[in-house]
Amino acid sequence: MKVHFKDVGFIKFGNKDKEPNFCDINTAFTYKVDSVDEQDVKATYHLSSKQGVNLDKLVMTVMLMDDLGTVNVNVTTEDDFNNV
């Protein structure tokens, strides 16, 4: 399965009603892709903070569920991913 992170867009966490800088990609909580592990129907992305701030590293898994293109997306911290 080929799921390219650039096609998904970017990941932001926060509440724009409480955080005035949320929509500014230069100051918002954005992540970059450190590595990608691809299998037939599953891709695992290892993400770290794009701004270098002290945010937990994340792991995102994308799994193809059927031939219609339904996908299951799971995002968790790297620590939780490694302890499962």
C-alpha atoms as a PDB file:
ATOM      1  CA  MET A   1       0.000   0.000   0.000  1.00  0.00           C
ATOM      2  CA  LYS A   2       1.359   3.419  -0.905  1.00  0.00           C
ATOM      3  CA  VAL A   3       0.106   6.137   1.436  1.00  0.00           C
ATOM      4  CA  HIS A   4       2.252   9.215   1.105  1.00  0.00           C
ATOM      5  CA  PHE A   5       2.224  11.503   4.099  1.00  0.00           C
ATOM      6  CA  LYS A   6       2.416  14.565   1.825  1.00  0.00           C
ATOM      7  CA  ASP A   7      -0.987  13.540   0.433  1.00  0.00           C
ATOM      8  CA  VAL A   8      -2.523  13.363   3.919  1.00  0.00           C
ATOM      9  CA  GLY A   9      -1.478  16.919   4.757  1.00  0.00           C
ATOM     10  CA  PHE A  10      -0.236  17.900   8.168  1.00  0.00           C
ATOM     11  CA  ILE A  11      -1.174  17.092  11.736  1.00  0.00           C
ATOM     12  CA  LYS A  12      -2.001  19.770  14.281  1.00  0.00           C
ATOM     13  CA  PHE A  13      -3.168  19.329  17.847  1.00  0.00           C
ATOM     14  CA  GLY A  14      -4.877  22.042  19.796  1.00  0.00           C
ATOM     15  CA  ASN A  15      -7.980  24.152  20.133  1.00  0.00           C
ATOM     16  CA  LYS A  16      -8.092  27.237  17.925  1.00  0.00           C
ATOM     17  CA  ASP A  17     -10.659  28.838  20.250  1.00  0.00           C
ATOM     18  CA  LYS A  18      -8.175  28.751  23.142  1.00  0.00           C
ATOM     19  CA  GLU A  19      -4.864  29.043  21.278  1.00  0.00           C
ATOM     20  CA  PRO A  20      -4.657  32.195  19.113  1.00  0.00           C
ATOM     21  CA  ASN A  21      -1.567  30.994  17.215  1.00  0.00           C
ATOM     22  CA  PHE A  22      -3.062  27.614  16.307  1.00  0.00           C
ATOM     23  CA  CYS A  23      -3.591  28.471  12.628  1.00  0.00           C
ATOM     24  CA  ASP A  24      -0.075  29.859  12.140  1.00  0.00           C
ATOM     25  CA  ILE A  25       1.988  26.939  10.809  1.00  0.00           C
ATOM     26  CA  ASN A  26       5.176  28.651  11.988  1.00  0.00           C
ATOM     27  CA  THR A  27       4.146  28.514  15.639  1.00  0.00           C
ATOM     28  CA  ALA A  28       1.557  25.716  15.744  1.00  0.00           C
ATOM     29  CA  PHE A  29       2.128  22.153  16.901  1.00  0.00           C
ATOM     30  CA  THR A  30       3.255  20.587  13.631  1.00  0.00           C
ATOM     31  CA  TYR A  31       5.101  17.335  13.065  1.00  0.00           C
ATOM     32  CA  LYS A  32       7.549  16.016  10.481  1.00  0.00           C
ATOM     33  CA  VAL A  33       7.992  12.447   9.276  1.00  0.00           C
ATOM     34  CA  ASP A  34      11.136  10.797  10.667  1.00  0.00           C
ATOM     35  CA  SER A  35      10.602   7.405   9.031  1.00  0.00           C
ATOM     36  CA  VAL A  36       7.992   5.299   7.265  1.00  0.00           C
ATOM     37  CA  ASP A  37       7.564   1.517   7.484  1.00  0.00           C
ATOM     38  CA  GLU A  38       5.362   0.292   4.607  1.00  0.00           C
ATOM     39  CA  GLN A  39       3.754  -3.122   4.309  1.00  0.00           C
ATOM     40  CA  ASP A  40       1.085  -4.432   1.918  1.00  0.00           C
ATOM     41  CA  VAL A  41      -1.935  -2.891   3.631  1.00  0.00           C
ATOM     42  CA  LYS A  42      -0.360  -0.916   6.479  1.00  0.00           C
ATOM     43  CA  ALA A  43       1.996   2.048   6.751  1.00  0.00           C
ATOM     44  CA  THR A  44       3.553   3.261  10.009  1.00  0.00           C
ATOM     45  CA  TYR A  45       4.836   6.847  10.272  1.00  0.00           C
ATOM     46  CA  HIS A  46       7.202   7.969  13.038  1.00  0.00           C
ATOM     47  CA  LEU A  47       6.695  11.696  13.700  1.00  0.00           C
ATOM     48  CA  SER A  48       8.560  14.319  15.693  1.00  0.00           C
ATOM     49  CA  SER A  49       7.975  17.995  16.408  1.00  0.00           C
ATOM     50  CA  LYS A  50       8.749  20.196  13.416  1.00  0.00           C
ATOM     51  CA  GLN A  51       9.551  23.159  15.652  1.00  0.00           C
ATOM     52  CA  GLY A  52      11.920  21.244  17.912  1.00  0.00           C
ATOM     53  CA  VAL A  53       9.830  22.009  20.968  1.00  0.00           C
ATOM     54  CA  ASN A  54       9.389  19.509  23.760  1.00  0.00           C
ATOM     55  CA  LEU A  55       6.446  17.515  22.347  1.00  0.00           C
ATOM     56  CA  ASP A  56       6.107  13.735  22.529  1.00  0.00           C
ATOM     57  CA  LYS A  57       7.120  11.792  19.440  1.00  0.00           C
ATOM     58  CA  LEU A  58       4.104  10.249  17.723  1.00  0.00           C
ATOM     59  CA  VAL A  59       3.447   7.122  15.705  1.00  0.00           C
ATOM     60  CA  MET A  60       0.664   7.101  13.111  1.00  0.00           C
ATOM     61  CA  THR A  61      -0.514   3.860  11.527  1.00  0.00           C
ATOM     62  CA  VAL A  62      -2.690   3.813   8.425  1.00  0.00           C
ATOM     63  CA  MET A  63      -4.286   0.493   7.477  1.00  0.00           C
ATOM     64  CA  LEU A  64      -6.262  -0.199   4.307  1.00  0.00           C
ATOM     65  CA  MET A  65      -9.506  -1.871   5.374  1.00  0.00           C
ATOM     66  CA  ASP A  66     -11.101  -2.751   2.006  1.00  0.00           C
ATOM     67  CA  ASP A  67     -10.774  -2.372  -1.762  1.00  0.00           C
ATOM     68  CA  LEU A  68     -12.988   0.739  -1.711  1.00  0.00           C
ATOM     69  CA  GLY A  69     -10.226   2.733  -0.003  1.00  0.00           C
ATOM     70  CA  THR A  70     -11.532   2.742   3.566  1.00  0.00           C
ATOM     71  CA  VAL A  71      -8.610   3.350   5.913  1.00  0.00           C
ATOM     72  CA  ASN A  72      -8.166   3.077   9.665  1.00  0.00           C
ATOM     73  CA  VAL A  73      -5.891   5.792  11.100  1.00  0.00           C
ATOM     74  CA  ASN A  74      -4.428   5.535  14.594  1.00  0.00           C
ATOM     75  CA  VAL A  75      -2.182   8.177  16.190  1.00  0.00           C
ATOM     76  CA  THR A  76      -0.499   7.585  19.541  1.00  0.00           C
ATOM     77  CA  THR A  77       2.662   8.537  21.384  1.00  0.00           C
ATOM     78  CA  GLU A  78       5.818   6.591  20.594  1.00  0.00           C
ATOM     79  CA  ASP A  79       5.998   5.374  24.212  1.00  0.00           C
ATOM     80  CA  ASP A  80       2.460   3.960  24.084  1.00  0.00           C
ATOM     81  CA  PHE A  81       3.098   2.402  20.656  1.00  0.00           C
ATOM     82  CA  ASN A  82       6.219   0.608  21.898  1.00  0.00           C
ATOM     83  CA  ASN A  83       4.488  -0.673  25.066  1.00  0.00           C
ATOM     84  CA  VAL A  84       1.502  -2.236  23.289  1.00  0.00           C
END
